[in-house]
Amino acid sequence: MIASADVSVVRQMIERAFNAGDLSAVDELLSPEAVDHQEQPGVNFPAHLKGVISMLRAAFPDLHFEIQHLMADGEIVAMNSVMTGTHLGPMRDLPATGRPVQVRHMHFVRVVEGRGTELWHLWDTPGLMRQLTAPAPV
């Protein structure tokens, strides 16, 4: 049953934090000492994740992650998802384009005692940028 509970932690993070904008889910579901292996050592991952979620939700007010696959092996939960949204707000240095996006993501999360402790992730950033910066269709 541990794998089922671990999968639930990751599903809740996506549904509550990313899809619904409930940042309290980060505090509840992520260990304060959690590590995002794509960030510099020493980065406060919970605070960083809240910033990422806030930035994405401001840039894409209709942000939604659709989970395609979600499975666990031991403490590791693997997830394949598709992020969709309409770019209606600025995202870093890129002003709103009004364009819809669809971006694939892959996450591997170590879950220990009901909380995420480590994250490895990959998302199609080049694909996102192509969708946002390609010349407008004629």
N, C-alpha and C. Protein backbone atom coordinates (compact mmCIF):
# COMPACT_ATOMS: atom_id res chain seq x y z
N MET A 1 0.81 -1.20 0.00
CA MET A 1 0.00 0.00 0.00
C MET A 1 0.85 1.27 0.00
N ILE A 2 2.14 1.16 0.33
CA ILE A 2 2.98 2.36 0.36
C ILE A 2 3.04 2.99 -1.03
N ALA A 3 3.21 2.20 -2.08
CA ALA A 3 3.30 2.75 -3.43
C ALA A 3 2.04 3.53 -3.77
N SER A 4 0.88 3.02 -3.38
CA SER A 4 -0.38 3.71 -3.63
C SER A 4 -0.42 5.06 -2.91
N ALA A 5 0.04 5.10 -1.65
CA ALA A 5 0.08 6.34 -0.90
C ALA A 5 1.06 7.32 -1.52
N ASP A 6 2.22 6.83 -1.99
CA ASP A 6 3.22 7.70 -2.60
C ASP A 6 2.69 8.31 -3.90
N VAL A 7 1.99 7.52 -4.69
CA VAL A 7 1.38 8.01 -5.92
C VAL A 7 0.36 9.10 -5.58
N SER A 8 -0.37 8.91 -4.51
CA SER A 8 -1.37 9.90 -4.08
C SER A 8 -0.71 11.24 -3.75
N VAL A 9 0.47 11.22 -3.14
CA VAL A 9 1.18 12.45 -2.81
C VAL A 9 1.47 13.24 -4.09
N VAL A 10 1.98 12.58 -5.11
CA VAL A 10 2.33 13.25 -6.36
C VAL A 10 1.06 13.73 -7.06
N ARG A 11 0.03 12.91 -7.10
CA ARG A 11 -1.23 13.31 -7.73
C ARG A 11 -1.81 14.54 -7.03
N GLN A 12 -1.80 14.54 -5.70
CA GLN A 12 -2.32 15.69 -4.96
C GLN A 12 -1.53 16.96 -5.26
N MET A 13 -0.20 16.84 -5.36
CA MET A 13 0.63 18.01 -5.66
C MET A 13 0.22 18.61 -7.00
N ILE A 14 0.02 17.77 -7.99
CA ILE A 14 -0.39 18.27 -9.31
C ILE A 14 -1.78 18.88 -9.23
N GLU A 15 -2.73 18.14 -8.69
CA GLU A 15 -4.12 18.61 -8.67
C GLU A 15 -4.30 19.85 -7.80
N ARG A 16 -3.75 19.82 -6.60
CA ARG A 16 -3.98 20.93 -5.68
C ARG A 16 -3.09 22.14 -5.98
N ALA A 17 -1.78 21.91 -6.08
CA ALA A 17 -0.85 23.03 -6.22
C ALA A 17 -0.87 23.62 -7.63
N PHE A 18 -0.65 22.79 -8.63
CA PHE A 18 -0.55 23.30 -10.00
C PHE A 18 -1.92 23.60 -10.59
N ASN A 19 -2.85 22.64 -10.54
CA ASN A 19 -4.13 22.84 -11.20
C ASN A 19 -5.06 23.79 -10.45
N ALA A 20 -5.04 23.75 -9.12
CA ALA A 20 -5.95 24.59 -8.34
C ALA A 20 -5.27 25.81 -7.73
N GLY A 21 -3.95 25.87 -7.74
CA GLY A 21 -3.24 27.02 -7.19
C GLY A 21 -3.17 27.06 -5.67
N ASP A 22 -3.37 25.92 -5.03
CA ASP A 22 -3.33 25.83 -3.57
C ASP A 22 -1.88 25.64 -3.12
N LEU A 23 -1.19 26.73 -2.81
CA LEU A 23 0.22 26.64 -2.44
C LEU A 23 0.44 25.98 -1.09
N SER A 24 -0.60 25.87 -0.26
CA SER A 24 -0.45 25.17 1.02
C SER A 24 -0.15 23.69 0.79
N ALA A 25 -0.51 23.18 -0.38
CA ALA A 25 -0.21 21.78 -0.72
C ALA A 25 1.30 21.55 -0.75
N VAL A 26 2.07 22.56 -1.15
CA VAL A 26 3.53 22.42 -1.18
C VAL A 26 4.05 22.19 0.23
N ASP A 27 3.57 22.98 1.19
CA ASP A 27 4.01 22.82 2.58
C ASP A 27 3.58 21.48 3.15
N GLU A 28 2.42 21.02 2.75
CA GLU A 28 1.89 19.77 3.28
C GLU A 28 2.54 18.54 2.66
N LEU A 29 2.84 18.59 1.37
CA LEU A 29 3.25 17.40 0.63
C LEU A 29 4.74 17.32 0.33
N LEU A 30 5.49 18.39 0.58
CA LEU A 30 6.91 18.43 0.27
C LEU A 30 7.69 18.64 1.56
N SER A 31 8.71 17.85 1.76
CA SER A 31 9.57 18.00 2.94
C SER A 31 10.26 19.36 2.88
N PRO A 32 10.40 20.05 4.02
CA PRO A 32 11.11 21.33 4.02
C PRO A 32 12.55 21.21 3.52
N GLU A 33 13.15 20.04 3.65
CA GLU A 33 14.53 19.82 3.21
C GLU A 33 14.60 19.20 1.81
N ALA A 34 13.48 19.14 1.10
CA ALA A 34 13.44 18.50 -0.22
C ALA A 34 14.44 19.16 -1.18
N VAL A 35 14.88 18.38 -2.15
CA VAL A 35 15.88 18.81 -3.12
C VAL A 35 15.33 18.64 -4.54
N ASP A 36 15.45 19.70 -5.34
CA ASP A 36 15.16 19.63 -6.78
C ASP A 36 16.53 19.51 -7.46
N HIS A 37 16.79 18.37 -8.05
CA HIS A 37 18.12 18.10 -8.61
C HIS A 37 18.41 18.90 -9.88
N GLN A 38 17.44 19.66 -10.39
CA GLN A 38 17.69 20.53 -11.54
C GLN A 38 18.07 21.94 -11.09
N GLU A 39 18.04 22.20 -9.80
CA GLU A 39 18.40 23.51 -9.27
C GLU A 39 19.77 23.48 -8.61
N GLN A 40 20.32 24.65 -8.36
CA GLN A 40 21.61 24.76 -7.70
C GLN A 40 21.52 24.21 -6.28
N PRO A 41 22.59 23.59 -5.78
CA PRO A 41 22.58 23.14 -4.38
C PRO A 41 22.27 24.30 -3.44
N GLY A 42 21.50 24.01 -2.42
CA GLY A 42 21.17 25.03 -1.42
C GLY A 42 19.89 25.80 -1.71
N VAL A 43 19.31 25.62 -2.91
CA VAL A 43 18.06 26.31 -3.22
C VAL A 43 16.96 25.77 -2.29
N ASN A 44 16.17 26.68 -1.72
CA ASN A 44 15.04 26.29 -0.90
C ASN A 44 13.95 25.79 -1.85
N PHE A 45 13.85 24.47 -2.00
CA PHE A 45 12.96 23.89 -3.00
C PHE A 45 11.50 24.23 -2.75
N PRO A 46 10.97 24.11 -1.53
CA PRO A 46 9.56 24.48 -1.35
C PRO A 46 9.27 25.93 -1.77
N ALA A 47 10.12 26.87 -1.39
CA ALA A 47 9.91 28.27 -1.78
C ALA A 47 10.04 28.42 -3.30
N HIS A 48 11.03 27.77 -3.88
CA HIS A 48 11.23 27.83 -5.33
C HIS A 48 10.01 27.27 -6.07
N LEU A 49 9.50 26.14 -5.59
CA LEU A 49 8.35 25.52 -6.24
C LEU A 49 7.13 26.43 -6.17
N LYS A 50 6.91 27.07 -5.05
CA LYS A 50 5.79 28.02 -4.94
C LYS A 50 5.95 29.15 -5.95
N GLY A 51 7.18 29.63 -6.14
CA GLY A 51 7.44 30.66 -7.12
C GLY A 51 7.15 30.19 -8.54
N VAL A 52 7.56 28.97 -8.85
CA VAL A 52 7.31 28.41 -10.19
C VAL A 52 5.80 28.27 -10.43
N ILE A 53 5.10 27.72 -9.45
CA ILE A 53 3.65 27.54 -9.60
C ILE A 53 2.98 28.90 -9.79
N SER A 54 3.35 29.89 -8.98
CA SER A 54 2.75 31.22 -9.09
C SER A 54 3.05 31.84 -10.46
N MET A 55 4.29 31.70 -10.94
CA MET A 55 4.66 32.24 -12.24
C MET A 55 3.86 31.56 -13.36
N LEU A 56 3.77 30.23 -13.31
CA LEU A 56 3.02 29.51 -14.35
C LEU A 56 1.56 29.88 -14.34
N ARG A 57 0.95 29.98 -13.15
CA ARG A 57 -0.47 30.29 -13.05
C ARG A 57 -0.76 31.74 -13.47
N ALA A 58 0.21 32.66 -13.26
CA ALA A 58 0.03 34.04 -13.72
C ALA A 58 0.17 34.10 -15.24
N ALA A 59 1.10 33.34 -15.79
CA ALA A 59 1.31 33.34 -17.24
C ALA A 59 0.21 32.58 -17.97
N PHE A 60 -0.29 31.51 -17.34
CA PHE A 60 -1.32 30.65 -17.94
C PHE A 60 -2.46 30.51 -16.94
N PRO A 61 -3.39 31.46 -16.88
CA PRO A 61 -4.46 31.41 -15.86
C PRO A 61 -5.31 30.14 -15.93
N ASP A 62 -5.37 29.52 -17.10
CA ASP A 62 -6.12 28.27 -17.26
C ASP A 62 -5.20 27.05 -17.21
N LEU A 63 -4.06 27.19 -16.53
CA LEU A 63 -3.07 26.11 -16.42
C LEU A 63 -3.72 24.81 -15.98
N HIS A 64 -3.36 23.74 -16.66
CA HIS A 64 -3.85 22.42 -16.27
C HIS A 64 -2.80 21.37 -16.65
N PHE A 65 -2.52 20.49 -15.69
CA PHE A 65 -1.66 19.34 -15.95
C PHE A 65 -2.55 18.11 -16.03
N GLU A 66 -2.50 17.42 -17.15
CA GLU A 66 -3.22 16.16 -17.33
C GLU A 66 -2.21 15.04 -17.13
N ILE A 67 -2.43 14.23 -16.11
CA ILE A 67 -1.52 13.12 -15.84
C ILE A 67 -1.81 12.00 -16.83
N GLN A 68 -0.79 11.61 -17.58
CA GLN A 68 -0.91 10.53 -18.57
C GLN A 68 -0.57 9.18 -17.96
N HIS A 69 0.53 9.14 -17.20
CA HIS A 69 1.00 7.91 -16.56
C HIS A 69 1.51 8.28 -15.17
N LEU A 70 1.23 7.43 -14.20
CA LEU A 70 1.67 7.66 -12.85
C LEU A 70 1.89 6.30 -12.21
N MET A 71 3.13 6.03 -11.79
CA MET A 71 3.43 4.72 -11.22
C MET A 71 4.55 4.83 -10.21
N ALA A 72 4.65 3.83 -9.34
CA ALA A 72 5.67 3.85 -8.30
C ALA A 72 6.47 2.56 -8.32
N ASP A 73 7.74 2.71 -7.95
CA ASP A 73 8.63 1.58 -7.74
C ASP A 73 9.44 1.91 -6.50
N GLY A 74 9.14 1.25 -5.41
CA GLY A 74 9.79 1.59 -4.14
C GLY A 74 9.39 3.00 -3.73
N GLU A 75 10.38 3.82 -3.41
CA GLU A 75 10.11 5.20 -2.97
C GLU A 75 9.96 6.17 -4.14
N ILE A 76 10.20 5.71 -5.37
CA ILE A 76 10.19 6.61 -6.53
C ILE A 76 8.85 6.53 -7.25
N VAL A 77 8.26 7.71 -7.48
CA VAL A 77 7.03 7.84 -8.25
C VAL A 77 7.40 8.50 -9.57
N ALA A 78 7.00 7.88 -10.67
CA ALA A 78 7.26 8.42 -12.00
C ALA A 78 5.95 8.94 -12.59
N MET A 79 6.02 10.11 -13.22
CA MET A 79 4.82 10.70 -13.80
C MET A 79 5.15 11.30 -15.16
N ASN A 80 4.28 11.05 -16.11
CA ASN A 80 4.31 11.67 -17.43
C ASN A 80 3.03 12.49 -17.51
N SER A 81 3.16 13.78 -17.83
CA SER A 81 1.98 14.63 -17.89
C SER A 81 2.08 15.59 -19.06
N VAL A 82 0.94 16.21 -19.37
CA VAL A 82 0.89 17.24 -20.40
C VAL A 82 0.32 18.50 -19.77
N MET A 83 1.08 19.58 -19.86
CA MET A 83 0.64 20.88 -19.37
C MET A 83 -0.02 21.63 -20.51
N THR A 84 -1.21 22.17 -20.25
CA THR A 84 -1.87 23.01 -21.22
C THR A 84 -2.23 24.34 -20.58
N GLY A 85 -2.42 25.33 -21.39
CA GLY A 85 -2.83 26.63 -20.91
C GLY A 85 -2.77 27.65 -22.03
N THR A 86 -3.31 28.83 -21.75
CA THR A 86 -3.29 29.92 -22.70
C THR A 86 -2.40 31.02 -22.12
N HIS A 87 -1.44 31.46 -22.89
CA HIS A 87 -0.43 32.42 -22.43
C HIS A 87 -1.02 33.83 -22.39
N LEU A 88 -1.64 34.17 -21.24
CA LEU A 88 -2.32 35.45 -21.09
C LEU A 88 -1.59 36.43 -20.18
N GLY A 89 -0.50 36.00 -19.58
CA GLY A 89 0.29 36.88 -18.70
C GLY A 89 1.75 36.73 -19.01
N PRO A 90 2.59 37.66 -18.52
CA PRO A 90 4.03 37.56 -18.80
C PRO A 90 4.63 36.32 -18.16
N MET A 91 5.64 35.79 -18.82
CA MET A 91 6.40 34.65 -18.29
C MET A 91 7.87 35.01 -18.42
N ARG A 92 8.46 35.35 -17.27
CA ARG A 92 9.82 35.88 -17.22
C ARG A 92 9.90 37.09 -18.14
N ASP A 93 10.70 37.08 -19.19
CA ASP A 93 10.84 38.24 -20.07
C ASP A 93 9.92 38.21 -21.28
N LEU A 94 9.05 37.23 -21.35
CA LEU A 94 8.18 37.07 -22.52
C LEU A 94 6.79 37.62 -22.23
N PRO A 95 6.38 38.67 -22.93
CA PRO A 95 5.03 39.20 -22.71
C PRO A 95 3.98 38.20 -23.19
N ALA A 96 2.76 38.37 -22.71
CA ALA A 96 1.66 37.48 -23.08
C ALA A 96 1.49 37.45 -24.60
N THR A 97 1.25 36.25 -25.11
CA THR A 97 1.05 36.08 -26.56
C THR A 97 -0.39 35.72 -26.90
N GLY A 98 -1.16 35.27 -25.92
CA GLY A 98 -2.53 34.82 -26.18
C GLY A 98 -2.58 33.44 -26.81
N ARG A 99 -1.46 32.78 -26.93
CA ARG A 99 -1.39 31.48 -27.61
C ARG A 99 -1.63 30.31 -26.65
N PRO A 100 -2.30 29.30 -27.15
CA PRO A 100 -2.43 28.07 -26.35
C PRO A 100 -1.14 27.27 -26.43
N VAL A 101 -0.83 26.54 -25.37
CA VAL A 101 0.36 25.69 -25.36
C VAL A 101 -0.01 24.30 -24.88
N GLN A 102 0.81 23.37 -25.28
CA GLN A 102 0.72 21.98 -24.84
C GLN A 102 2.15 21.49 -24.69
N VAL A 103 2.54 21.14 -23.44
CA VAL A 103 3.94 20.83 -23.14
C VAL A 103 4.02 19.54 -22.33
N ARG A 104 4.83 18.61 -22.80
CA ARG A 104 5.04 17.34 -22.07
C ARG A 104 6.02 17.53 -20.92
N HIS A 105 5.74 16.83 -19.82
CA HIS A 105 6.61 16.83 -18.64
C HIS A 105 6.83 15.40 -18.18
N MET A 106 8.01 15.16 -17.60
CA MET A 106 8.30 13.89 -16.93
C MET A 106 8.90 14.21 -15.58
N HIS A 107 8.40 13.56 -14.53
CA HIS A 107 8.88 13.79 -13.17
C HIS A 107 9.17 12.46 -12.50
N PHE A 108 10.22 12.46 -11.71
CA PHE A 108 10.52 11.34 -10.82
C PHE A 108 10.63 11.95 -9.42
N VAL A 109 9.82 11.48 -8.49
CA VAL A 109 9.76 12.05 -7.15
C VAL A 109 10.03 10.95 -6.13
N ARG A 110 10.98 11.19 -5.24
CA ARG A 110 11.17 10.27 -4.11
C ARG A 110 10.22 10.72 -3.02
N VAL A 111 9.39 9.78 -2.55
CA VAL A 111 8.43 10.07 -1.49
C VAL A 111 8.81 9.23 -0.27
N VAL A 112 9.03 9.90 0.86
CA VAL A 112 9.41 9.24 2.11
C VAL A 112 8.44 9.73 3.19
N GLU A 113 7.81 8.79 3.86
CA GLU A 113 6.88 9.09 4.94
C GLU A 113 5.84 10.11 4.53
N GLY A 114 5.30 9.93 3.32
CA GLY A 114 4.19 10.75 2.86
C GLY A 114 4.52 12.13 2.34
N ARG A 115 5.82 12.42 2.11
CA ARG A 115 6.21 13.73 1.60
C ARG A 115 7.30 13.58 0.54
N GLY A 116 7.23 14.43 -0.48
CA GLY A 116 8.27 14.45 -1.49
C GLY A 116 9.58 14.93 -0.90
N THR A 117 10.67 14.20 -1.21
CA THR A 117 11.98 14.58 -0.68
C THR A 117 13.00 14.90 -1.77
N GLU A 118 12.79 14.36 -2.97
CA GLU A 118 13.71 14.63 -4.08
C GLU A 118 12.90 14.66 -5.37
N LEU A 119 13.36 15.51 -6.31
CA LEU A 119 12.70 15.63 -7.61
C LEU A 119 13.74 15.66 -8.71
N TRP A 120 13.48 14.88 -9.74
CA TRP A 120 14.20 14.94 -11.01
C TRP A 120 13.11 15.19 -12.05
N HIS A 121 13.27 16.17 -12.91
CA HIS A 121 12.21 16.46 -13.87
C HIS A 121 12.78 16.95 -15.19
N LEU A 122 11.96 16.81 -16.20
CA LEU A 122 12.32 17.22 -17.54
C LEU A 122 11.04 17.69 -18.21
N TRP A 123 11.09 18.87 -18.83
CA TRP A 123 9.94 19.28 -19.61
C TRP A 123 10.41 19.88 -20.91
N ASP A 124 9.54 19.86 -21.89
CA ASP A 124 9.89 20.26 -23.24
C ASP A 124 9.91 21.78 -23.35
N THR A 125 10.93 22.39 -22.75
CA THR A 125 11.07 23.84 -22.79
C THR A 125 11.26 24.36 -24.21
N PRO A 126 12.08 23.69 -25.06
CA PRO A 126 12.19 24.17 -26.44
C PRO A 126 10.83 24.14 -27.17
N GLY A 127 10.04 23.09 -26.92
CA GLY A 127 8.71 23.03 -27.53
C GLY A 127 7.81 24.15 -27.05
N LEU A 128 7.88 24.47 -25.76
CA LEU A 128 7.11 25.58 -25.23
C LEU A 128 7.51 26.88 -25.91
N MET A 129 8.79 27.13 -26.01
CA MET A 129 9.25 28.38 -26.62
C MET A 129 8.89 28.47 -28.10
N ARG A 130 8.92 27.34 -28.82
CA ARG A 130 8.49 27.35 -30.22
C ARG A 130 7.02 27.75 -30.30
N GLN A 131 6.21 27.23 -29.40
CA GLN A 131 4.77 27.55 -29.43
C GLN A 131 4.52 29.02 -29.11
N LEU A 132 5.36 29.60 -28.26
CA LEU A 132 5.13 30.99 -27.85
C LEU A 132 5.79 32.01 -28.76
N THR A 133 6.82 31.63 -29.48
CA THR A 133 7.58 32.62 -30.27
C THR A 133 7.51 32.40 -31.78
N ALA A 134 6.86 31.36 -32.24
CA ALA A 134 6.76 31.12 -33.68
C ALA A 134 5.96 32.25 -34.32
N PRO A 135 6.26 32.56 -35.57
CA PRO A 135 5.47 33.60 -36.25
C PRO A 135 3.99 33.22 -36.25
N ALA A 136 3.15 34.21 -36.12
CA ALA A 136 1.70 33.98 -36.13
C ALA A 136 1.27 33.40 -37.46
N PRO A 137 0.31 32.45 -37.42
CA PRO A 137 -0.18 31.88 -38.69
C PRO A 137 -0.87 32.95 -39.53
N VAL A 138 -0.74 32.79 -40.83
CA VAL A 138 -1.32 33.76 -41.77
C VAL A 138 -2.71 33.36 -42.15
